[in-house]
Amino acid sequence: NRIAYCNAQMAQIAQSILEAKTWTDIHKNGEPTKETYKQYIANFPDGMHIKEAQRKIAMYEDEEFWAATKKRNNKESYSNYIAKSKLGSYKSEAEMEIYRIDDKDAWQNALATNTIEAYNTYIKNEENPAKQYQREAIAQRSKLQTLIDIETRPTKTVNMVDLNERSAEKL
């Protein structure tokens, strides 16, 4: 029994040495890949670095998920990332992208409506922090207000004869 016990202990030590060497080797040439970590987990399912390998895999998967989300670049993909990402490393970026998309839609709506009220609605919307078109909205609102002011200003007819007489009197 003692020989069997010693053999088992030696095998366990050899396995630990092999695991330690493998872990060191996979980190020698820079950052290992997701596949390298998966290989480590397959070879050492009860290894000392299993949690770190799993965390690194999750990070790689989150990066891949985010890259695919950015590539689709629509509100649904960003919402999906927020809902389904395990780590949520880019949650705040995804939320901001949703705000930007909503903001662009609101701006297009204000432009299409082209009224002072529409621009005021865009400007005063406190639910969306993006406000990419704030300056343009204020400028458009001012242009419309100026046009309204010009159109509603009372017009005076000037009699050129009276104007000439007044000018002559001043001289």
Protein backbone atom coordinates (compact mmCIF):
# COMPACT_ATOMS: atom_id res chain seq x y z
CA ASN A 1 0.00 0.00 0.00
CA ARG A 2 2.79 2.40 0.79
CA ILE A 3 4.31 1.96 -2.63
CA ALA A 4 0.96 2.65 -4.31
CA TYR A 5 0.48 5.71 -2.10
CA CYS A 6 3.99 7.00 -2.93
CA ASN A 7 3.40 6.38 -6.64
CA ALA A 8 0.13 8.33 -6.47
CA GLN A 9 1.84 11.18 -4.63
CA MET A 10 4.66 11.25 -7.19
CA ALA A 11 2.15 11.27 -10.06
CA GLN A 12 0.32 14.16 -8.40
CA ILE A 13 3.57 16.08 -7.97
CA ALA A 14 4.53 15.38 -11.59
CA GLN A 15 1.10 16.63 -12.70
CA SER A 16 1.54 19.81 -10.61
CA ILE A 17 4.98 20.42 -12.11
CA LEU A 18 3.63 19.85 -15.61
CA GLU A 19 0.74 22.26 -14.93
CA ALA A 20 3.06 24.93 -13.53
CA LYS A 21 5.41 24.58 -16.52
CA THR A 22 2.47 24.71 -18.96
CA TRP A 23 1.06 27.83 -17.30
CA THR A 24 4.48 29.51 -17.41
CA ASP A 25 5.07 28.48 -21.03
CA ILE A 26 1.74 29.82 -22.29
CA HIS A 27 2.61 33.24 -20.84
CA LYS A 28 6.19 33.41 -22.15
CA ASN A 29 5.35 34.88 -25.56
CA GLY A 30 2.95 37.63 -24.55
CA GLU A 31 -0.77 37.32 -23.92
CA PRO A 32 -2.16 33.84 -24.60
CA THR A 33 -5.20 33.43 -26.84
CA LYS A 34 -8.66 32.30 -25.84
CA GLU A 35 -7.86 28.91 -27.39
CA THR A 36 -4.69 28.61 -25.30
CA TYR A 37 -6.70 29.12 -22.12
CA LYS A 38 -9.31 26.62 -23.30
CA GLN A 39 -6.52 24.12 -23.94
CA TYR A 40 -5.18 24.70 -20.43
CA ILE A 41 -8.65 24.05 -18.95
CA ALA A 42 -9.03 20.89 -21.05
CA ASN A 43 -5.65 19.59 -19.89
CA PHE A 44 -5.96 20.69 -16.26
CA PRO A 45 -9.69 20.83 -15.35
CA ASP A 46 -8.79 21.01 -11.63
CA GLY A 47 -5.72 23.18 -12.16
CA MET A 48 -4.47 25.90 -9.86
CA HIS A 49 -5.13 28.62 -12.46
CA ILE A 50 -8.54 27.43 -13.62
CA LYS A 51 -10.42 30.49 -12.37
CA GLU A 52 -7.97 32.88 -14.00
CA ALA A 53 -8.16 30.96 -17.28
CA GLN A 54 -11.97 31.06 -17.15
CA ARG A 55 -11.90 34.80 -16.43
CA LYS A 56 -9.55 35.42 -19.37
CA ILE A 57 -11.81 33.39 -21.67
CA ALA A 58 -14.80 35.43 -20.50
CA MET A 59 -12.87 38.63 -21.25
CA TYR A 60 -12.02 37.43 -24.76
CA GLU A 61 -15.65 36.44 -25.34
CA ASP A 62 -16.85 39.83 -24.12
CA GLU A 63 -14.41 41.55 -26.50
CA GLU A 64 -15.72 39.43 -29.37
CA PHE A 65 -19.33 40.15 -28.40
CA TRP A 66 -18.60 43.89 -28.26
CA ALA A 67 -16.81 43.84 -31.65
CA ALA A 68 -19.81 42.11 -33.23
CA THR A 69 -22.15 44.59 -31.54
CA LYS A 70 -20.18 47.58 -32.84
CA LYS A 71 -20.11 46.06 -36.31
CA ARG A 72 -23.93 45.82 -36.37
CA ASN A 73 -24.11 49.32 -34.86
CA ASN A 74 -27.84 49.52 -34.19
CA LYS A 75 -30.01 50.04 -31.17
CA GLU A 76 -31.06 46.37 -31.00
CA SER A 77 -27.47 45.10 -30.99
CA TYR A 78 -26.48 47.49 -28.20
CA SER A 79 -29.53 46.55 -26.15
CA ASN A 80 -28.71 42.88 -26.72
CA TYR A 81 -25.15 43.44 -25.52
CA ILE A 82 -26.41 45.13 -22.34
CA ALA A 83 -28.87 42.32 -21.66
CA LYS A 84 -26.67 39.32 -22.50
CA SER A 85 -23.05 40.22 -21.86
CA LYS A 86 -21.69 38.20 -18.95
CA LEU A 87 -19.06 40.77 -17.99
CA GLY A 88 -20.64 43.92 -19.39
CA SER A 89 -17.24 45.52 -19.92
CA TYR A 90 -18.72 47.92 -22.47
CA LYS A 91 -22.12 48.47 -20.88
CA SER A 92 -21.69 52.24 -20.48
CA GLU A 93 -20.43 52.54 -24.08
CA ALA A 94 -23.44 50.55 -25.30
CA GLU A 95 -25.81 52.79 -23.34
CA MET A 96 -24.17 55.88 -24.82
CA GLU A 97 -24.47 54.47 -28.33
CA ILE A 98 -28.19 53.94 -27.73
CA TYR A 99 -28.45 57.56 -26.58
CA ARG A 100 -26.63 58.69 -29.73
CA ILE A 101 -28.95 56.70 -31.97
CA ASP A 102 -32.03 58.06 -30.15
CA ASP A 103 -30.55 61.55 -30.32
CA LYS A 104 -29.98 61.30 -34.06
CA ASP A 105 -33.59 60.13 -34.53
CA ALA A 106 -34.87 63.03 -32.40
CA TRP A 107 -32.76 65.46 -34.40
CA GLN A 108 -34.04 64.08 -37.71
CA ASN A 109 -37.58 64.45 -36.38
CA ALA A 110 -36.93 68.08 -35.38
CA LEU A 111 -35.47 68.84 -38.80
CA ALA A 112 -38.37 67.18 -40.59
CA THR A 113 -40.92 69.08 -38.50
CA ASN A 114 -38.89 72.31 -38.68
CA THR A 115 -40.83 74.25 -36.07
CA ILE A 116 -39.72 76.22 -33.04
CA GLU A 117 -41.64 73.76 -30.87
CA ALA A 118 -39.82 70.79 -32.42
CA TYR A 119 -36.42 72.37 -31.81
CA ASN A 120 -37.45 73.30 -28.24
CA THR A 121 -38.50 69.68 -27.64
CA TYR A 122 -35.11 68.50 -28.89
CA ILE A 123 -33.20 71.08 -26.83
CA LYS A 124 -35.14 70.47 -23.61
CA ASN A 125 -35.06 66.65 -23.75
CA GLU A 126 -33.31 65.78 -20.47
CA GLU A 127 -33.68 62.02 -20.92
CA ASN A 128 -30.92 61.90 -23.51
CA PRO A 129 -27.46 63.12 -22.49
CA ALA A 130 -26.01 62.77 -26.01
CA LYS A 131 -27.30 66.07 -27.45
CA GLN A 132 -25.03 65.90 -30.50
CA TYR A 133 -27.03 68.51 -32.38
CA GLN A 134 -27.70 70.98 -29.57
CA ARG A 135 -25.94 73.92 -31.23
CA GLU A 136 -27.58 73.25 -34.57
CA ALA A 137 -30.99 73.07 -32.90
CA ILE A 138 -30.47 76.42 -31.19
CA ALA A 139 -29.31 77.96 -34.48
CA GLN A 140 -32.27 76.55 -36.41
CA ARG A 141 -34.68 77.78 -33.74
CA SER A 142 -33.13 81.26 -33.92
CA LYS A 143 -33.42 81.34 -37.72
CA LEU A 144 -37.08 80.40 -37.54
CA GLN A 145 -37.73 82.99 -34.85
CA THR A 146 -36.02 85.65 -36.96
CA LEU A 147 -38.15 84.73 -39.97
CA ILE A 148 -41.30 84.90 -37.85
CA ASP A 149 -40.24 88.27 -36.44
CA ILE A 150 -39.61 89.64 -39.94
CA GLU A 151 -42.95 88.35 -41.24
CA THR A 152 -44.94 89.77 -38.33
CA ARG A 153 -43.17 93.13 -38.14
CA PRO A 154 -45.46 95.99 -39.18
CA THR A 155 -44.40 97.57 -42.40
CA LYS A 156 -44.37 101.30 -42.93
CA THR A 157 -44.72 102.80 -46.33
CA VAL A 158 -42.24 105.51 -46.87
CA ASN A 159 -43.15 108.35 -49.09
CA MET A 160 -40.02 109.25 -51.02
CA VAL A 161 -41.13 112.88 -51.39
CA ASP A 162 -41.51 113.24 -47.59
CA LEU A 163 -38.17 111.55 -47.08
CA ASN A 164 -36.46 113.93 -49.52
CA GLU A 165 -38.11 116.96 -47.89
CA ARG A 166 -36.98 115.88 -44.41
CA SER A 167 -33.46 115.35 -45.68
CA ALA A 168 -33.43 118.79 -47.33
CA GLU A 169 -34.68 120.47 -44.13
CA LYS A 170 -31.83 118.96 -42.13
CA LEU A 171 -29.31 120.37 -44.56
